[in-house]
Every structure is written in structure tokens, then in C-alpha cells.
Amino acid sequence: MERNRVHPADLVHDWNQVDAPPESARPILLDDETLRDGLQGPSVTDPPIETKKGILRAMDALGIDTADVGLPGAGPKAVADATALCRQIVEERLAIRPNCAARTMERDIEPIARISASVGIPVEACLFIGSSAIRQYAEDWSIDLLLQRTKESITFAVKEGLPVMYVTEDTSRAHPDTLRRLYRTAIDCGARRVCVTDTVGHATPHGTGQVIRFVAGIVDESGAGVGIDWHGHRDRGLGLANVLAAIAAGAGRVHGCGLGIGERAGNAPMDLILVNLKLLGFIDRDLTGLDEYCRLISEGCRVPIPSNYPVVGRDAFETGTGVHAAAVIKALRKNDLWLADRVYSGVPASDFGFTQKIRIGPMSGRSNVVFWLERRGMEPRDDVVDRIYDAAKRSDRLLEDDELLALAGRPRTSTPRRRG
């Protein structure tokens, strides 16, 4: 049967949609923390400002709504970089909006106000304070001290004309009564957004949903039009799953870092948040720039991309296994890219600027060899096919293109292996 006469639902039964909540009509906003929280990773290099500007452009091209451009309270370099990035947004007329992190202290907030005034655009102040009992115990903080700092810092920021997001650190381990008092104080003092954080990667998807719904109840009780953010880490490997759970529970903006960089095991990966929101139908935008975004972060921050990393890893859309490759080859021979992208992949390569790639190795069949030769304009003569096939069966890995060209009697090239 011809695929264009078949409805996709007849070919893919999507269990993800069985009893799934209806697609939200509300927009899902994205806040990119790569250039602030991401740079706190122990193995991450803080890139030069021109590299940061390139990363910010890549964020903008992907339709990311806001970006944390630094913590100016950290010192003169942080102030200079945050100022340069905010000025870039103005001069290049980028759609992305800036925010800056700050402790709940006037000396952290004051440089944000100066940056905002100097570049002429609002800069959201993300004011954070610890909220869990374990943090209070370690720091010798009282709840009265937390409330005082919350009130004073937000009042000061609002007076300076800054939009405020109030961030409770370690929300996922904080007591409900503490959260209620802190958030109500913040809202009463003028915070426009509240951020629920999983600072140490403690939460499960169930716990994420529970705390988001609890905070949503506080917001509803206040009667204020306050947005709810989710910021999570992946110490238990649940960063991405928790982002999706937070959205399902009512979070309006979620945070992430490119390639999941960040403190300890890192943050929820912004690139995979984008991929999943697109596949779920929550966003509809061109994500073919995802590879460029990840490459800039990888090179600038000196964080290698694992070969098996989803979507942008070099192995993501490659196969050398005979059964798998045969199915993809048959789809490609039908000239059906839609089918080739899905018959052995849960992520359509072409949606993200990639293509399926057939490779040759010890698990390959002869069809792999024939297809590889034909794609390069070479006649699949029996002797050439046999020579490549026999070499592949003796190998302990997939053969590189240079090796295959030599076996086919063609001169070697210096072209490196590329993804897609």
C-alpha cells in the first residue's frame, strides 16, 4: 500500500496518548539557564563573551523565551558579561528576554537594576533563598529571617522597577507550611512569578506534580496573576521526566540547560525538553538549529557530546544492524522519508535537521552494503559486496567510510564521520 494513502494512526499506535490529559491551550514558556546555572558544572568551562553571544543567538533561533544571563552579584566579570548579553538583545533585536539570578540581598539586586537601566530593557530578577528545613538547620536560619529577607529584597527590586521571580531553593524537600508563608509573602510584595525548584534532584515525577499543584493552590488563593516556574536537576536521572510532569501539573515556564550541563549531575536538558515538547505537540517551531545550539555549548563549555546522546549524538540516527537497517532501507527505496524516519526511530530525524544513516559492521546484512554503495554512486558488483561484507563480519565494530572506500577500490578521503 502507498503510505500517502494511509493515515499515520494506522501505522503507529501511540500509547503515549492513551488516557493522556488533553493538550494544553496555554503556552509553555522556556527559560534557558545554560549561561548561569549551567556554568556551575564542575567540568564546565566559562566561555568567552563572544561565544556566549553565539549561544544566546542560537537560543533565540530556537524560540526559547527567556535566558538567565548571569549572577551579577558574583563580581565585575559577571556584571560585564550580563551587561554585554543584555545589550546584544537590544542591538540585535532578539526576541529572547533576559533575567539574572540574585540572592535575596540588595547588594545582589542593585547591579541588575543598573544593567537594566544602562541597556534600556527590563531584566527579570530571579531572587533565590533556601526553603527546606535541612537547609535552615545547616545555615542556622529561622523562618522569620527568611520572611524578612524575602520581604526586603522583593520590595527593593520592585522599587527599582525590576520584574521579580521568587525562587525557593530545595522546594521539593520543603515543608508545606513554610512554602505557603514564603510564597504568600513574595506575592504580596510584588513577585510576578514563583519558581518551584528541585535543587538537589530529589523529586520524582509524582513528587513534582504534587508540589506544583500545591503551589498552584497558593497562587490561586492569592488571587494574583502569578506565573509558576519549574527548575529541576537530574541527580537521579529524572530531570526531563520531571519537566514533563511539572507541565502536566500546571507549570507555565520550565527551565533547562543545553546538554543538561550544570552543578553536580546537571540540569534538565533544554535540547531534549524542546524535542519532547515538539513531539508532544505542545510547541510547533523549526528546531533544525538544535545541532548548532548543542555544538556551540559543547565547544564553548568544553563538554563533549556522548556518541549515544539522544538526537544530537553522532549515533542517534545511525544503524548497522541488519534487521533494523533493512527496514529503513526499504522505506528509503519507497522514497518515503516519513516512513524511513519512523520505522526504526522514535524521533523523526528530519524534524531536527538530520537524516537516517545506514552503516556497515559485524551485525550488518548484504543489503547494508548494497545500499551504501548505491548511495555513493558505485555499482554493487558481487565481488565488491563480498569483500566489504566479509571484512565487516571479521570486524569488532562498525567500519568507517574511509575503510569502506578502500575496500571498494576508491581512494581514501579525509572527511570525518558526520552525524546524519
Protein backbone atom coordinates (compact mmCIF):
# COMPACT_ATOMS: atom_id res chain seq x y z
CA MET A 1 0.00 0.00 0.00
CA GLU A 2 1.15 3.58 -0.63
CA ARG A 3 1.95 5.42 2.57
CA ASN A 4 0.39 8.67 1.39
CA ARG A 5 -2.94 6.85 1.27
CA VAL A 6 -2.57 5.58 4.84
CA HIS A 7 -3.29 7.65 7.92
CA PRO A 8 -0.31 7.77 10.34
CA ALA A 9 -2.55 6.45 13.13
CA ASP A 10 -2.95 3.23 11.12
CA LEU A 11 0.83 2.70 11.22
CA VAL A 12 1.70 3.89 14.74
CA HIS A 13 -0.50 3.14 17.73
CA ASP A 14 0.58 5.81 20.20
CA TRP A 15 0.23 4.50 23.73
CA ASN A 16 1.56 7.85 24.96
CA GLN A 17 -1.81 9.33 24.06
CA VAL A 18 -3.98 6.70 25.74
CA ASP A 19 -5.87 8.43 28.59
CA ALA A 20 -3.40 11.30 28.34
CA PRO A 21 -4.55 14.70 29.57
CA PRO A 22 -5.74 16.98 26.75
CA GLU A 23 -3.16 19.17 25.10
CA SER A 24 -2.91 22.43 26.97
CA ALA A 25 -4.06 25.56 25.20
CA ARG A 26 -1.77 27.66 27.41
CA PRO A 27 1.69 28.47 26.07
CA ILE A 28 4.63 26.62 27.60
CA LEU A 29 7.46 29.07 28.19
CA LEU A 30 11.11 28.07 28.31
CA ASP A 31 13.86 29.62 30.42
CA ASP A 32 17.42 28.71 29.44
CA GLU A 33 19.89 28.53 32.34
CA THR A 34 22.92 27.46 30.29
CA LEU A 35 24.82 30.73 30.74
CA ARG A 36 24.35 30.85 34.51
CA ASP A 37 23.37 27.65 36.30
CA GLY A 38 24.92 25.57 33.53
CA LEU A 39 28.31 27.19 34.08
CA GLN A 40 28.35 25.95 37.69
CA GLY A 41 29.14 22.44 36.47
CA PRO A 42 32.50 21.30 37.90
CA SER A 43 33.81 20.22 34.49
CA VAL A 44 32.36 23.17 32.56
CA THR A 45 34.49 25.99 31.16
CA ASP A 46 33.09 29.53 31.33
CA PRO A 47 33.33 30.56 27.65
CA PRO A 48 34.43 33.99 26.40
CA ILE A 49 31.74 36.59 25.83
CA GLU A 50 31.69 36.23 22.03
CA THR A 51 30.94 32.51 22.45
CA LYS A 52 28.20 33.34 24.93
CA LYS A 53 26.71 35.71 22.37
CA GLY A 54 26.66 32.93 19.79
CA ILE A 55 24.90 30.62 22.25
CA LEU A 56 22.34 33.35 23.02
CA ARG A 57 21.64 33.77 19.28
CA ALA A 58 21.13 30.01 19.00
CA MET A 59 18.66 30.11 21.90
CA ASP A 60 16.75 32.88 20.18
CA ALA A 61 16.66 30.95 16.90
CA LEU A 62 15.07 28.01 18.72
CA GLY A 63 12.30 30.22 20.08
CA ILE A 64 13.43 29.99 23.72
CA ASP A 65 11.57 32.68 25.63
CA THR A 66 13.97 33.80 28.36
CA ALA A 67 17.60 33.30 29.30
CA ASP A 68 19.44 33.65 32.59
CA VAL A 69 22.45 35.75 31.56
CA GLY A 70 24.31 35.59 34.86
CA LEU A 71 24.56 36.38 38.54
CA PRO A 72 25.87 39.97 38.62
CA GLY A 73 26.36 39.82 42.38
CA ALA A 74 29.26 37.41 41.78
CA GLY A 75 31.61 40.23 40.72
CA PRO A 76 32.77 42.58 37.95
CA LYS A 77 33.17 39.91 35.24
CA ALA A 78 29.65 38.63 35.86
CA VAL A 79 28.34 42.19 35.61
CA ALA A 80 30.25 42.84 32.39
CA ASP A 81 29.09 39.63 30.71
CA ALA A 82 25.45 40.07 31.75
CA THR A 83 25.51 43.66 30.52
CA ALA A 84 27.01 42.64 27.18
CA LEU A 85 24.38 39.94 26.66
CA CYS A 86 21.52 42.28 27.54
CA ARG A 87 22.92 44.89 25.18
CA GLN A 88 23.19 42.23 22.45
CA ILE A 89 19.48 41.50 22.84
CA VAL A 90 18.72 45.18 22.26
CA GLU A 91 21.16 45.78 19.41
CA GLU A 92 20.35 42.59 17.50
CA ARG A 93 16.62 42.88 18.27
CA LEU A 94 16.43 39.36 19.62
CA ALA A 95 13.06 38.12 20.84
CA ILE A 96 14.51 36.33 23.86
CA ARG A 97 14.19 38.23 27.17
CA PRO A 98 16.92 38.39 29.85
CA ASN A 99 16.89 37.55 33.53
CA CYS A 100 19.56 37.44 36.20
CA ALA A 101 19.91 35.40 39.35
CA ALA A 102 20.40 37.06 42.72
CA ARG A 103 20.38 36.21 46.38
CA THR A 104 17.69 37.92 48.43
CA MET A 105 20.08 40.76 49.19
CA GLU A 106 20.11 44.36 47.99
CA ARG A 107 23.79 44.14 47.01
CA ASP A 108 22.93 41.38 44.52
CA ILE A 109 19.87 43.15 43.16
CA GLU A 110 21.41 46.60 42.72
CA PRO A 111 23.71 45.61 39.80
CA ILE A 112 20.74 44.06 37.97
CA ALA A 113 18.93 47.36 38.25
CA ARG A 114 22.00 49.15 36.86
CA ILE A 115 22.23 46.75 33.94
CA SER A 116 18.55 47.18 33.14
CA ALA A 117 18.85 50.98 33.22
CA SER A 118 22.01 51.02 31.11
CA VAL A 119 20.65 48.85 28.27
CA GLY A 120 17.08 50.11 28.39
CA ILE A 121 15.13 46.86 28.77
CA PRO A 122 13.53 45.10 31.74
CA VAL A 123 15.73 42.42 33.31
CA GLU A 124 13.85 39.92 35.43
CA ALA A 125 15.41 39.48 38.87
CA CYS A 126 15.33 35.84 39.97
CA LEU A 127 15.67 36.11 43.75
CA PHE A 128 16.51 32.83 45.45
CA ILE A 129 16.50 31.72 49.07
CA GLY A 130 16.69 28.31 50.77
CA SER A 131 13.37 26.93 51.95
CA SER A 132 13.89 23.38 53.24
CA ALA A 133 14.28 22.54 56.94
CA ILE A 134 17.59 20.80 56.28
CA ARG A 135 18.99 23.96 54.69
CA GLN A 136 17.65 26.10 57.52
CA TYR A 137 19.26 23.81 60.07
CA ALA A 138 22.63 23.82 58.31
CA GLU A 139 22.61 27.61 57.91
CA ASP A 140 21.10 28.45 61.34
CA TRP A 141 18.27 30.30 59.63
CA SER A 142 14.89 30.94 61.21
CA ILE A 143 11.66 31.20 59.27
CA ASP A 144 11.36 34.79 60.48
CA LEU A 145 14.75 35.59 58.90
CA LEU A 146 13.67 34.03 55.60
CA LEU A 147 10.45 36.04 55.61
CA GLN A 148 12.32 39.25 56.42
CA ARG A 149 14.83 38.74 53.59
CA THR A 150 12.02 37.85 51.20
CA LYS A 151 10.05 40.98 52.01
CA GLU A 152 13.01 43.37 51.96
CA SER A 153 14.58 42.06 48.75
CA ILE A 154 11.40 41.90 46.68
CA THR A 155 10.26 45.30 47.89
CA PHE A 156 13.64 46.75 46.89
CA ALA A 157 13.63 45.07 43.46
CA VAL A 158 10.10 46.23 42.69
CA LYS A 159 11.00 49.76 43.75
CA GLU A 160 13.92 49.59 41.30
CA GLY A 161 11.47 48.72 38.53
CA LEU A 162 12.55 45.09 38.12
CA PRO A 163 10.11 42.27 37.40
CA VAL A 164 10.68 39.63 40.09
CA MET A 165 10.63 35.86 40.09
CA TYR A 166 10.84 34.49 43.63
CA VAL A 167 12.79 31.24 43.83
CA THR A 168 12.60 28.89 46.82
CA GLU A 169 15.63 26.64 46.75
CA ASP A 170 15.05 22.97 47.61
CA THR A 171 11.28 23.35 47.29
CA SER A 172 10.92 19.63 46.63
CA ARG A 173 12.05 18.91 50.22
CA ALA A 174 10.43 21.88 51.99
CA HIS A 175 7.51 21.75 54.42
CA PRO A 176 4.14 22.92 53.06
CA ASP A 177 3.63 25.47 55.86
CA THR A 178 7.00 27.07 55.14
CA LEU A 179 6.27 27.26 51.41
CA ARG A 180 2.86 28.79 52.00
CA ARG A 181 4.30 31.57 54.19
CA LEU A 182 7.22 32.30 51.87
CA TYR A 183 5.22 32.35 48.63
CA ARG A 184 2.35 34.42 50.05
CA THR A 185 4.84 36.97 51.36
CA ALA A 186 6.59 37.10 47.99
CA ILE A 187 3.34 37.52 46.08
CA ASP A 188 2.09 40.19 48.48
CA CYS A 189 5.35 42.09 47.98
CA GLY A 190 5.01 42.10 44.19
CA ALA A 191 6.66 38.96 42.78
CA ARG A 192 5.27 38.27 39.29
CA ARG A 193 6.44 34.67 39.15
CA VAL A 194 7.29 31.97 41.71
CA CYS A 195 9.76 29.21 40.97
CA VAL A 196 9.49 25.70 42.38
CA THR A 197 12.92 24.09 42.45
CA ASP A 198 14.30 20.60 42.75
CA THR A 199 17.72 21.92 43.70
CA VAL A 200 19.33 18.58 44.58
CA GLY A 201 17.48 16.38 42.09
CA HIS A 202 15.39 14.73 44.81
CA ALA A 203 11.97 14.76 43.15
CA THR A 204 10.25 12.00 41.21
CA PRO A 205 7.63 12.82 38.56
CA HIS A 206 4.91 12.07 41.14
CA GLY A 207 6.52 14.39 43.69
CA THR A 208 6.97 17.07 41.05
CA GLY A 209 3.28 17.03 40.24
CA GLN A 210 2.34 17.14 43.91
CA VAL A 211 4.46 20.19 44.76
CA ILE A 212 3.45 22.10 41.60
CA ARG A 213 -0.24 21.55 42.34
CA PHE A 214 0.31 22.62 45.95
CA VAL A 215 1.99 25.87 44.89
CA ALA A 216 -0.70 26.46 42.27
CA GLY A 217 -3.21 26.34 45.11
CA ILE A 218 -1.29 29.04 46.97
CA VAL A 219 -1.25 31.20 43.85
CA ASP A 220 -4.98 30.70 43.33
CA GLU A 221 -5.69 31.65 46.95
CA SER A 222 -3.72 34.88 46.50
CA GLY A 223 -5.89 35.97 43.59
CA ALA A 224 -2.80 37.37 41.84
CA GLY A 225 -1.91 36.58 38.25
CA VAL A 226 1.39 34.97 39.17
CA GLY A 227 3.20 32.53 36.91
CA ILE A 228 4.68 29.25 38.15
CA ASP A 229 8.11 28.02 37.06
CA TRP A 230 9.81 24.64 37.49
CA HIS A 231 13.58 24.32 37.83
CA GLY A 232 14.99 20.82 38.23
CA HIS A 233 18.26 18.95 38.44
CA ARG A 234 18.97 15.38 37.38
CA ASP A 235 20.88 13.80 40.26
CA ARG A 236 18.53 10.78 39.98
CA GLY A 237 18.34 10.98 36.20
CA LEU A 238 14.77 12.31 36.32
CA GLY A 239 15.32 15.89 35.13
CA LEU A 240 13.47 15.61 31.82
CA ALA A 241 10.69 13.41 33.20
CA ASN A 242 10.11 15.93 35.98
CA VAL A 243 9.86 18.80 33.50
CA LEU A 244 7.07 16.98 31.67
CA ALA A 245 5.37 16.18 34.98
CA ALA A 246 5.60 19.84 36.03
CA ILE A 247 3.97 20.96 32.79
CA ALA A 248 1.19 18.41 33.21
CA ALA A 249 0.60 19.70 36.75
CA GLY A 250 0.33 23.33 35.67
CA ALA A 251 3.79 24.91 35.48
CA GLY A 252 3.78 27.68 32.88
CA ARG A 253 7.53 28.01 32.41
CA VAL A 254 10.21 25.34 32.73
CA HIS A 255 13.98 25.70 32.99
CA GLY A 256 16.82 23.74 31.42
CA CYS A 257 20.42 23.91 30.26
CA GLY A 258 21.83 22.89 26.90
CA LEU A 259 23.15 19.31 27.02
CA GLY A 260 22.00 19.13 30.65
CA ILE A 261 25.11 20.87 31.98
CA GLY A 262 25.11 22.27 35.49
CA GLU A 263 26.08 21.63 39.06
CA ARG A 264 26.85 18.01 40.06
CA ALA A 265 24.94 15.78 37.59
CA GLY A 266 23.49 18.81 35.84
CA ASN A 267 20.11 20.31 34.99
CA ALA A 268 17.23 19.15 32.87
CA PRO A 269 18.50 19.22 29.24
CA MET A 270 16.93 22.10 27.32
CA ASP A 271 17.59 20.45 23.96
CA LEU A 272 15.59 17.35 24.95
CA ILE A 273 12.86 19.48 26.52
CA LEU A 274 12.44 21.12 23.11
CA VAL A 275 12.43 17.76 21.32
CA ASN A 276 9.78 16.29 23.60
CA LEU A 277 7.54 19.35 23.58
CA LYS A 278 7.59 19.27 19.78
CA LEU A 279 6.84 15.55 19.63
CA LEU A 280 4.02 16.01 22.14
CA GLY A 281 2.54 18.81 20.03
CA PHE A 282 2.99 21.45 22.76
CA ILE A 283 5.17 23.62 20.53
CA ASP A 284 5.35 24.00 16.75
CA ARG A 285 8.58 25.59 15.60
CA ASP A 286 11.66 24.99 13.50
CA LEU A 287 14.17 23.00 15.57
CA THR A 288 16.67 22.29 12.83
CA GLY A 289 19.03 24.65 14.67
CA LEU A 290 19.25 22.27 17.62
CA ASP A 291 22.55 20.79 16.43
CA GLU A 292 24.15 24.24 16.19
CA TYR A 293 22.91 25.16 19.68
CA CYS A 294 24.36 21.99 21.19
CA ARG A 295 27.61 22.24 19.21
CA LEU A 296 28.22 25.81 20.39
CA ILE A 297 27.65 24.80 24.01
CA SER A 298 29.79 21.67 23.67
CA GLU A 299 32.71 23.54 22.14
CA GLY A 300 32.41 26.72 24.19
CA CYS A 301 31.98 24.99 27.54
CA ARG A 302 34.29 22.09 26.61
CA VAL A 303 31.66 19.48 27.33
CA PRO A 304 31.80 16.55 24.89
CA ILE A 305 28.55 15.21 23.47
CA PRO A 306 28.33 11.45 24.14
CA SER A 307 28.01 9.46 20.92
CA ASN A 308 24.73 7.91 22.11
CA TYR A 309 23.22 11.21 23.31
CA PRO A 310 19.62 11.49 22.02
CA VAL A 311 19.08 13.42 18.79
CA VAL A 312 22.39 15.30 18.58
CA GLY A 313 24.74 12.43 19.46
CA ARG A 314 26.54 11.05 16.39
CA ASP A 315 24.93 7.61 16.82
CA ALA A 316 21.37 8.90 17.26
CA PHE A 317 20.16 8.24 13.71
CA GLU A 318 22.67 5.60 12.59
CA THR A 319 22.30 1.85 12.44
CA GLY A 320 24.43 -1.01 11.19
CA THR A 321 22.21 -3.84 12.44
CA GLY A 322 20.88 -5.87 9.54
CA VAL A 323 17.22 -6.18 10.57
CA HIS A 324 16.95 -2.53 11.58
CA ALA A 325 18.81 -1.25 8.55
CA ALA A 326 16.74 -3.40 6.19
CA ALA A 327 13.53 -1.76 7.37
CA VAL A 328 14.97 1.73 6.93
CA ILE A 329 16.38 0.84 3.52
CA LYS A 330 13.02 -0.48 2.34
CA ALA A 331 11.37 2.76 3.42
CA LEU A 332 14.00 4.85 1.65
CA ARG A 333 13.61 2.77 -1.51
CA LYS A 334 9.94 3.71 -1.41
CA ASN A 335 11.13 7.35 -1.43
CA ASP A 336 9.14 7.78 1.77
CA LEU A 337 11.11 9.93 4.20
CA TRP A 338 8.23 10.00 6.69
CA LEU A 339 8.35 6.20 6.88
CA ALA A 340 12.15 5.99 6.97
CA ASP A 341 12.24 8.46 9.84
CA ARG A 342 9.84 6.41 11.96
CA VAL A 343 10.08 2.72 11.12
CA TYR A 344 13.05 2.26 13.49
CA SER A 345 13.18 5.58 15.32
CA GLY A 346 11.01 7.23 17.95
CA VAL A 347 12.35 10.62 16.85
CA PRO A 348 11.91 11.76 13.23
CA ALA A 349 15.43 12.77 12.16
CA SER A 350 14.34 15.28 9.52
CA ASP A 351 12.31 17.28 12.07
CA PHE A 352 15.60 18.21 13.72
CA GLY A 353 17.85 18.66 10.70
CA PHE A 354 19.25 15.11 10.45
CA THR A 355 18.88 12.07 8.19
CA GLN A 356 18.90 8.35 8.77
CA LYS A 357 22.29 6.80 8.08
CA ILE A 358 22.99 3.18 7.21
CA ARG A 359 26.37 1.86 8.28
CA ILE A 360 28.20 -1.44 7.93
CA GLY A 361 29.58 -3.69 10.64
CA PRO A 362 29.57 -7.22 12.04
CA MET A 363 25.77 -7.25 12.54
CA SER A 364 25.02 -5.94 9.04
CA GLY A 365 23.41 -7.76 6.16
CA ARG A 366 24.35 -7.61 2.50
CA SER A 367 21.57 -5.09 1.93
CA ASN A 368 23.52 -2.61 4.05
CA VAL A 369 26.50 -2.97 1.72
CA VAL A 370 24.46 -2.72 -1.47
CA PHE A 371 22.63 0.36 -0.20
CA TRP A 372 25.85 2.04 0.97
CA LEU A 373 27.46 1.55 -2.43
CA GLU A 374 24.43 2.73 -4.38
CA ARG A 375 24.12 5.87 -2.27
CA ARG A 376 27.67 6.76 -3.28
CA GLY A 377 27.10 6.13 -6.97
CA MET A 378 29.03 2.85 -7.03
CA GLU A 379 27.85 -0.29 -8.74
CA PRO A 380 27.19 -3.03 -6.16
CA ARG A 381 29.18 -5.73 -8.01
CA ASP A 382 29.21 -9.11 -6.30
CA ASP A 383 32.98 -9.10 -5.75
CA VAL A 384 32.89 -5.66 -4.08
CA VAL A 385 29.87 -6.56 -1.95
CA ASP A 386 31.53 -9.80 -0.87
CA ARG A 387 34.79 -8.08 0.02
CA ILE A 388 33.09 -5.43 2.17
CA TYR A 389 30.68 -7.89 3.72
CA ASP A 390 33.45 -10.33 4.67
CA ALA A 391 35.57 -7.53 6.18
CA ALA A 392 32.58 -6.30 8.19
CA LYS A 393 31.90 -9.77 9.59
CA ARG A 394 35.51 -10.04 10.76
CA SER A 395 35.41 -6.61 12.40
CA ASP A 396 34.58 -5.89 16.04
CA ARG A 397 32.97 -2.53 15.23
CA LEU A 398 31.26 -0.52 12.51
CA LEU A 399 33.57 0.33 9.63
CA GLU A 400 34.32 3.95 8.86
CA ASP A 401 33.72 5.42 5.39
CA ASP A 402 37.44 5.61 4.62
CA GLU A 403 37.79 1.89 5.29
CA LEU A 404 34.79 1.07 3.15
CA LEU A 405 36.02 3.24 0.28
CA ALA A 406 39.36 1.44 0.36
CA LEU A 407 37.61 -1.95 0.28
CA ALA A 408 35.53 -0.70 -2.65
CA GLY A 409 38.70 0.28 -4.51
CA ARG A 410 38.17 4.01 -4.12
CA PRO A 411 40.80 6.43 -2.73
CA ARG A 412 40.53 7.30 0.94
CA THR A 413 39.22 10.72 1.91
CA SER A 414 39.94 12.89 4.91
CA THR A 415 36.25 13.61 5.53
CA PRO A 416 35.42 12.89 9.17
CA ARG A 417 32.40 10.90 10.17
CA ARG A 418 29.40 13.19 10.46
CA ARG A 419 26.06 12.85 12.16
CA GLY A 420 23.12 12.42 9.81
